[in-house]
Amino acid sequence: MIQRQFNNLSKSTSFLNRKSRGDVPGWVLVVLMTTALVTGIWSIAAPKLTTILRNSLDAMGGIK
């Protein structure tokens, strides 16, 4: 019984012994593409978002 549990444990942790780096170039590409998208969207939306925020804060100032 103990031997069977030990075998099951060694099978479930065998992935830890692999020397795999994973898909590093893929993740780098994902990070770069995400950064480019966020920068592009932000550069387009920033003026409108600034206007919306400024109008909202001005409207709240008149509520007192």
PDB file of N, CA and C in Angstrom:
ATOM      1  N   MET A   1       0.827  -1.189   0.000  1.00  0.00           N
ATOM      2  CA  MET A   1       0.000   0.000   0.000  1.00  0.00           C
ATOM      3  C   MET A   1       0.877   1.261   0.000  1.00  0.00           C
ATOM      4  N   ILE A   2       1.886   1.287   0.842  1.00  0.00           N
ATOM      5  CA  ILE A   2       2.781   2.442   0.891  1.00  0.00           C
ATOM      6  C   ILE A   2       3.546   2.564  -0.421  1.00  0.00           C
ATOM      7  N   GLN A   3       3.953   1.428  -0.964  1.00  0.00           N
ATOM      8  CA  GLN A   3       4.683   1.454  -2.235  1.00  0.00           C
ATOM      9  C   GLN A   3       3.804   2.031  -3.343  1.00  0.00           C
ATOM     10  N   ARG A   4       2.530   1.683  -3.356  1.00  0.00           N
ATOM     11  CA  ARG A   4       1.612   2.179  -4.373  1.00  0.00           C
ATOM     12  C   ARG A   4       1.428   3.697  -4.230  1.00  0.00           C
ATOM     13  N   GLN A   5       1.302   4.179  -2.999  1.00  0.00           N
ATOM     14  CA  GLN A   5       1.170   5.620  -2.776  1.00  0.00           C
ATOM     15  C   GLN A   5       2.440   6.357  -3.204  1.00  0.00           C
ATOM     16  N   PHE A   6       3.587   5.761  -2.921  1.00  0.00           N
ATOM     17  CA  PHE A   6       4.847   6.371  -3.328  1.00  0.00           C
ATOM     18  C   PHE A   6       4.949   6.444  -4.849  1.00  0.00           C
ATOM     19  N   ASN A   7       4.527   5.378  -5.526  1.00  0.00           N
ATOM     20  CA  ASN A   7       4.546   5.370  -6.993  1.00  0.00           C
ATOM     21  C   ASN A   7       3.616   6.440  -7.562  1.00  0.00           C
ATOM     22  N   ASN A   8       2.425   6.575  -6.968  1.00  0.00           N
ATOM     23  CA  ASN A   8       1.490   7.603  -7.420  1.00  0.00           C
ATOM     24  C   ASN A   8       2.067   8.994  -7.204  1.00  0.00           C
ATOM     25  N   LEU A   9       2.724   9.197  -6.073  1.00  0.00           N
ATOM     26  CA  LEU A   9       3.330  10.494  -5.783  1.00  0.00           C
ATOM     27  C   LEU A   9       4.451  10.805  -6.761  1.00  0.00           C
ATOM     28  N   SER A  10       5.276   9.817  -7.053  1.00  0.00           N
ATOM     29  CA  SER A  10       6.389  10.064  -7.977  1.00  0.00           C
ATOM     30  C   SER A  10       5.881  10.321  -9.391  1.00  0.00           C
ATOM     31  N   LYS A  11       4.773   9.694  -9.784  1.00  0.00           N
ATOM     32  CA  LYS A  11       4.201   9.950 -11.104  1.00  0.00           C
ATOM     33  C   LYS A  11       3.617  11.360 -11.178  1.00  0.00           C
ATOM     34  N   SER A  12       2.980  11.805 -10.090  1.00  0.00           N
ATOM     35  CA  SER A  12       2.340  13.119 -10.121  1.00  0.00           C
ATOM     36  C   SER A  12       3.343  14.258 -10.052  1.00  0.00           C
ATOM     37  N   THR A  13       4.549  14.008  -9.547  1.00  0.00           N
ATOM     38  CA  THR A  13       5.564  15.067  -9.469  1.00  0.00           C
ATOM     39  C   THR A  13       6.646  14.908 -10.522  1.00  0.00           C
ATOM     40  N   SER A  14       6.456  14.014 -11.472  1.00  0.00           N
ATOM     41  CA  SER A  14       7.492  13.800 -12.481  1.00  0.00           C
ATOM     42  C   SER A  14       7.664  15.012 -13.392  1.00  0.00           C
ATOM     43  N   PHE A  15       6.616  15.849 -13.507  1.00  0.00           N
ATOM     44  CA  PHE A  15       6.743  17.032 -14.350  1.00  0.00           C
ATOM     45  C   PHE A  15       7.730  18.035 -13.760  1.00  0.00           C
ATOM     46  N   LEU A  16       8.002  17.950 -12.462  1.00  0.00           N
ATOM     47  CA  LEU A  16       8.953  18.866 -11.834  1.00  0.00           C
ATOM     48  C   LEU A  16      10.386  18.564 -12.252  1.00  0.00           C
ATOM     49  N   ASN A  17      10.640  17.327 -12.662  1.00  0.00           N
ATOM     50  CA  ASN A  17      11.994  16.938 -13.030  1.00  0.00           C
ATOM     51  C   ASN A  17      12.371  17.363 -14.446  1.00  0.00           C
ATOM     52  N   ARG A  18      11.395  17.745 -15.246  1.00  0.00           N
ATOM     53  CA  ARG A  18      11.682  18.156 -16.618  1.00  0.00           C
ATOM     54  C   ARG A  18      12.394  19.503 -16.605  1.00  0.00           C
ATOM     55  N   LYS A  19      13.318  19.648 -17.518  1.00  0.00           N
ATOM     56  CA  LYS A  19      14.030  20.920 -17.610  1.00  0.00           C
ATOM     57  C   LYS A  19      13.498  21.686 -18.813  1.00  0.00           C
ATOM     58  N   SER A  20      12.266  22.110 -18.692  1.00  0.00           N
ATOM     59  CA  SER A  20      11.612  22.831 -19.774  1.00  0.00           C
ATOM     60  C   SER A  20      11.537  24.307 -19.416  1.00  0.00           C
ATOM     61  N   ARG A  21      11.878  25.148 -20.362  1.00  0.00           N
ATOM     62  CA  ARG A  21      11.809  26.580 -20.133  1.00  0.00           C
ATOM     63  C   ARG A  21      10.441  27.131 -20.492  1.00  0.00           C
ATOM     64  N   GLY A  22       9.609  26.327 -21.052  1.00  0.00           N
ATOM     65  CA  GLY A  22       8.315  26.817 -21.471  1.00  0.00           C
ATOM     66  C   GLY A  22       8.416  27.541 -22.801  1.00  0.00           C
ATOM     67  N   ASP A  23       7.414  28.292 -23.095  1.00  0.00           N
ATOM     68  CA  ASP A  23       7.349  29.005 -24.367  1.00  0.00           C
ATOM     69  C   ASP A  23       7.708  30.471 -24.144  1.00  0.00           C
ATOM     70  N   VAL A  24       8.962  30.730 -23.810  1.00  0.00           N
ATOM     71  CA  VAL A  24       9.405  32.087 -23.490  1.00  0.00           C
ATOM     72  C   VAL A  24       9.221  33.035 -24.676  1.00  0.00           C
ATOM     73  N   PRO A  25       9.653  32.694 -25.895  1.00  0.00           N
ATOM     74  CA  PRO A  25       9.438  33.631 -27.007  1.00  0.00           C
ATOM     75  C   PRO A  25       7.961  33.948 -27.236  1.00  0.00           C
ATOM     76  N   GLY A  26       7.109  32.976 -27.027  1.00  0.00           N
ATOM     77  CA  GLY A  26       5.674  33.220 -27.175  1.00  0.00           C
ATOM     78  C   GLY A  26       5.165  34.224 -26.165  1.00  0.00           C
ATOM     79  N   TRP A  27       5.599  34.088 -24.914  1.00  0.00           N
ATOM     80  CA  TRP A  27       5.166  35.022 -23.873  1.00  0.00           C
ATOM     81  C   TRP A  27       5.724  36.414 -24.109  1.00  0.00           C
ATOM     82  N   VAL A  28       6.952  36.490 -24.600  1.00  0.00           N
ATOM     83  CA  VAL A  28       7.528  37.804 -24.910  1.00  0.00           C
ATOM     84  C   VAL A  28       6.707  38.478 -26.001  1.00  0.00           C
ATOM     85  N   LEU A  29       6.326  37.727 -27.010  1.00  0.00           N
ATOM     86  CA  LEU A  29       5.506  38.276 -28.084  1.00  0.00           C
ATOM     87  C   LEU A  29       4.153  38.744 -27.557  1.00  0.00           C
ATOM     88  N   VAL A  30       3.533  37.968 -26.685  1.00  0.00           N
ATOM     89  CA  VAL A  30       2.243  38.352 -26.107  1.00  0.00           C
ATOM     90  C   VAL A  30       2.380  39.648 -25.316  1.00  0.00           C
ATOM     91  N   VAL A  31       3.433  39.761 -24.512  1.00  0.00           N
ATOM     92  CA  VAL A  31       3.638  40.970 -23.708  1.00  0.00           C
ATOM     93  C   VAL A  31       3.872  42.185 -24.604  1.00  0.00           C
ATOM     94  N   LEU A  32       4.692  42.028 -25.629  1.00  0.00           N
ATOM     95  CA  LEU A  32       4.956  43.152 -26.535  1.00  0.00           C
ATOM     96  C   LEU A  32       3.703  43.583 -27.293  1.00  0.00           C
ATOM     97  N   MET A  33       2.920  42.620 -27.752  1.00  0.00           N
ATOM     98  CA  MET A  33       1.698  42.960 -28.482  1.00  0.00           C
ATOM     99  C   MET A  33       0.684  43.638 -27.566  1.00  0.00           C
ATOM    100  N   THR A  34       0.567  43.152 -26.334  1.00  0.00           N
ATOM    101  CA  THR A  34      -0.352  43.764 -25.381  1.00  0.00           C
ATOM    102  C   THR A  34       0.068  45.194 -25.072  1.00  0.00           C
ATOM    103  N   THR A  35       1.363  45.396 -24.882  1.00  0.00           N
ATOM    104  CA  THR A  35       1.875  46.737 -24.615  1.00  0.00           C
ATOM    105  C   THR A  35       1.587  47.675 -25.784  1.00  0.00           C
ATOM    106  N   ALA A  36       1.777  47.189 -26.985  1.00  0.00           N
ATOM    107  CA  ALA A  36       1.505  48.013 -28.167  1.00  0.00           C
ATOM    108  C   ALA A  36       0.024  48.366 -28.269  1.00  0.00           C
ATOM    109  N   LEU A  37      -0.845  47.399 -28.001  1.00  0.00           N
ATOM    110  CA  LEU A  37      -2.284  47.669 -28.053  1.00  0.00           C
ATOM    111  C   LEU A  37      -2.709  48.685 -27.003  1.00  0.00           C
ATOM    112  N   VAL A  38      -2.237  48.512 -25.778  1.00  0.00           N
ATOM    113  CA  VAL A  38      -2.603  49.436 -24.701  1.00  0.00           C
ATOM    114  C   VAL A  38      -2.098  50.837 -25.018  1.00  0.00           C
ATOM    115  N   THR A  39      -0.872  50.942 -25.498  1.00  0.00           N
ATOM    116  CA  THR A  39      -0.315  52.251 -25.843  1.00  0.00           C
ATOM    117  C   THR A  39      -1.109  52.905 -26.969  1.00  0.00           C
ATOM    118  N   GLY A  40      -1.450  52.133 -27.981  1.00  0.00           N
ATOM    119  CA  GLY A  40      -2.229  52.675 -29.094  1.00  0.00           C
ATOM    120  C   GLY A  40      -3.609  53.133 -28.678  1.00  0.00           C
ATOM    121  N   ILE A  41      -4.303  52.306 -27.923  1.00  0.00           N
ATOM    122  CA  ILE A  41      -5.650  52.665 -27.471  1.00  0.00           C
ATOM    123  C   ILE A  41      -5.593  53.861 -26.532  1.00  0.00           C
ATOM    124  N   TRP A  42      -4.600  53.871 -25.636  1.00  0.00           N
ATOM    125  CA  TRP A  42      -4.486  54.976 -24.683  1.00  0.00           C
ATOM    126  C   TRP A  42      -4.214  56.294 -25.405  1.00  0.00           C
ATOM    127  N   SER A  43      -3.365  56.272 -26.428  1.00  0.00           N
ATOM    128  CA  SER A  43      -3.043  57.513 -27.142  1.00  0.00           C
ATOM    129  C   SER A  43      -4.263  58.064 -27.875  1.00  0.00           C
ATOM    130  N   ILE A  44      -5.145  57.191 -28.309  1.00  0.00           N
ATOM    131  CA  ILE A  44      -6.361  57.633 -28.990  1.00  0.00           C
ATOM    132  C   ILE A  44      -7.411  58.100 -27.990  1.00  0.00           C
ATOM    133  N   ALA A  45      -7.554  57.396 -26.871  1.00  0.00           N
ATOM    134  CA  ALA A  45      -8.637  57.657 -25.929  1.00  0.00           C
ATOM    135  C   ALA A  45      -8.290  58.691 -24.861  1.00  0.00           C
ATOM    136  N   ALA A  46      -7.022  59.001 -24.651  1.00  0.00           N
ATOM    137  CA  ALA A  46      -6.614  59.878 -23.549  1.00  0.00           C
ATOM    138  C   ALA A  46      -7.283  61.256 -23.594  1.00  0.00           C
ATOM    139  N   PRO A  47      -7.325  61.942 -24.719  1.00  0.00           N
ATOM    140  CA  PRO A  47      -7.972  63.264 -24.714  1.00  0.00           C
ATOM    141  C   PRO A  47      -9.458  63.203 -24.347  1.00  0.00           C
ATOM    142  N   LYS A  48     -10.154  62.224 -24.872  1.00  0.00           N
ATOM    143  CA  LYS A  48     -11.587  62.101 -24.570  1.00  0.00           C
ATOM    144  C   LYS A  48     -11.800  61.736 -23.100  1.00  0.00           C
ATOM    145  N   LEU A  49     -10.979  60.829 -22.572  1.00  0.00           N
ATOM    146  CA  LEU A  49     -11.104  60.454 -21.164  1.00  0.00           C
ATOM    147  C   LEU A  49     -10.788  61.636 -20.252  1.00  0.00           C
ATOM    148  N   THR A  50      -9.814  62.449 -20.634  1.00  0.00           N
ATOM    149  CA  THR A  50      -9.482  63.637 -19.849  1.00  0.00           C
ATOM    150  C   THR A  50     -10.655  64.610 -19.832  1.00  0.00           C
ATOM    151  N   THR A  51     -11.288  64.791 -20.966  1.00  0.00           N
ATOM    152  CA  THR A  51     -12.447  65.677 -21.046  1.00  0.00           C
ATOM    153  C   THR A  51     -13.594  65.156 -20.192  1.00  0.00           C
ATOM    154  N   ILE A  52     -13.860  63.873 -20.262  1.00  0.00           N
ATOM    155  CA  ILE A  52     -14.938  63.274 -19.468  1.00  0.00           C
ATOM    156  C   ILE A  52     -14.660  63.447 -17.981  1.00  0.00           C
ATOM    157  N   LEU A  53     -13.439  63.178 -17.558  1.00  0.00           N
ATOM    158  CA  LEU A  53     -13.087  63.310 -16.146  1.00  0.00           C
ATOM    159  C   LEU A  53     -13.193  64.761 -15.693  1.00  0.00           C
ATOM    160  N   ARG A  54     -12.688  65.676 -16.494  1.00  0.00           N
ATOM    161  CA  ARG A  54     -12.737  67.097 -16.128  1.00  0.00           C
ATOM    162  C   ARG A  54     -14.187  67.567 -16.014  1.00  0.00           C
ATOM    163  N   ASN A  55     -15.040  67.181 -16.949  1.00  0.00           N
ATOM    164  CA  ASN A  55     -16.458  67.565 -16.894  1.00  0.00           C
ATOM    165  C   ASN A  55     -17.143  66.977 -15.668  1.00  0.00           C
ATOM    166  N   SER A  56     -16.819  65.742 -15.330  1.00  0.00           N
ATOM    167  CA  SER A  56     -17.423  65.100 -14.160  1.00  0.00           C
ATOM    168  C   SER A  56     -17.003  65.802 -12.877  1.00  0.00           C
ATOM    169  N   LEU A  57     -15.723  66.121 -12.767  1.00  0.00           N
ATOM    170  CA  LEU A  57     -15.245  66.806 -11.564  1.00  0.00           C
ATOM    171  C   LEU A  57     -15.817  68.215 -11.466  1.00  0.00           C
ATOM    172  N   ASP A  58     -15.954  68.900 -12.583  1.00  0.00           N
ATOM    173  CA  ASP A  58     -16.569  70.230 -12.569  1.00  0.00           C
ATOM    174  C   ASP A  58     -18.031  70.148 -12.147  1.00  0.00           C
ATOM    175  N   ALA A  59     -18.741  69.123 -12.623  1.00  0.00           N
ATOM    176  CA  ALA A  59     -20.146  68.958 -12.257  1.00  0.00           C
ATOM    177  C   ALA A  59     -20.289  68.643 -10.774  1.00  0.00           C
ATOM    178  N   MET A  60     -19.377  67.894 -10.217  1.00  0.00           N
ATOM    179  CA  MET A  60     -19.437  67.575  -8.786  1.00  0.00           C
ATOM    180  C   MET A  60     -19.116  68.803  -7.940  1.00  0.00           C
ATOM    181  N   GLY A  61     -18.306  69.704  -8.452  1.00  0.00           N
ATOM    182  CA  GLY A  61     -17.965  70.916  -7.712  1.00  0.00           C
ATOM    183  C   GLY A  61     -19.163  71.830  -7.543  1.00  0.00           C
ATOM    184  N   GLY A  62     -20.114  71.781  -8.447  1.00  0.00           N
ATOM    185  CA  GLY A  62     -21.293  72.629  -8.366  1.00  0.00           C
ATOM    186  C   GLY A  62     -22.407  72.037  -7.526  1.00  0.00           C
ATOM    187  N   ILE A  63     -22.250  70.817  -7.025  1.00  0.00           N
ATOM    188  CA  ILE A  63     -23.310  70.140  -6.270  1.00  0.00           C
ATOM    189  C   ILE A  63     -23.410  70.670  -4.844  1.00  0.00           C
ATOM    190  N   LYS A  64     -22.333  70.903  -4.174  1.00  0.00           N
ATOM    191  CA  LYS A  64     -22.253  71.322  -2.767  1.00  0.00           C
ATOM    192  C   LYS A  64     -23.571  71.458  -2.152  1.00  0.00           C
TER     193      LYS A  64
END
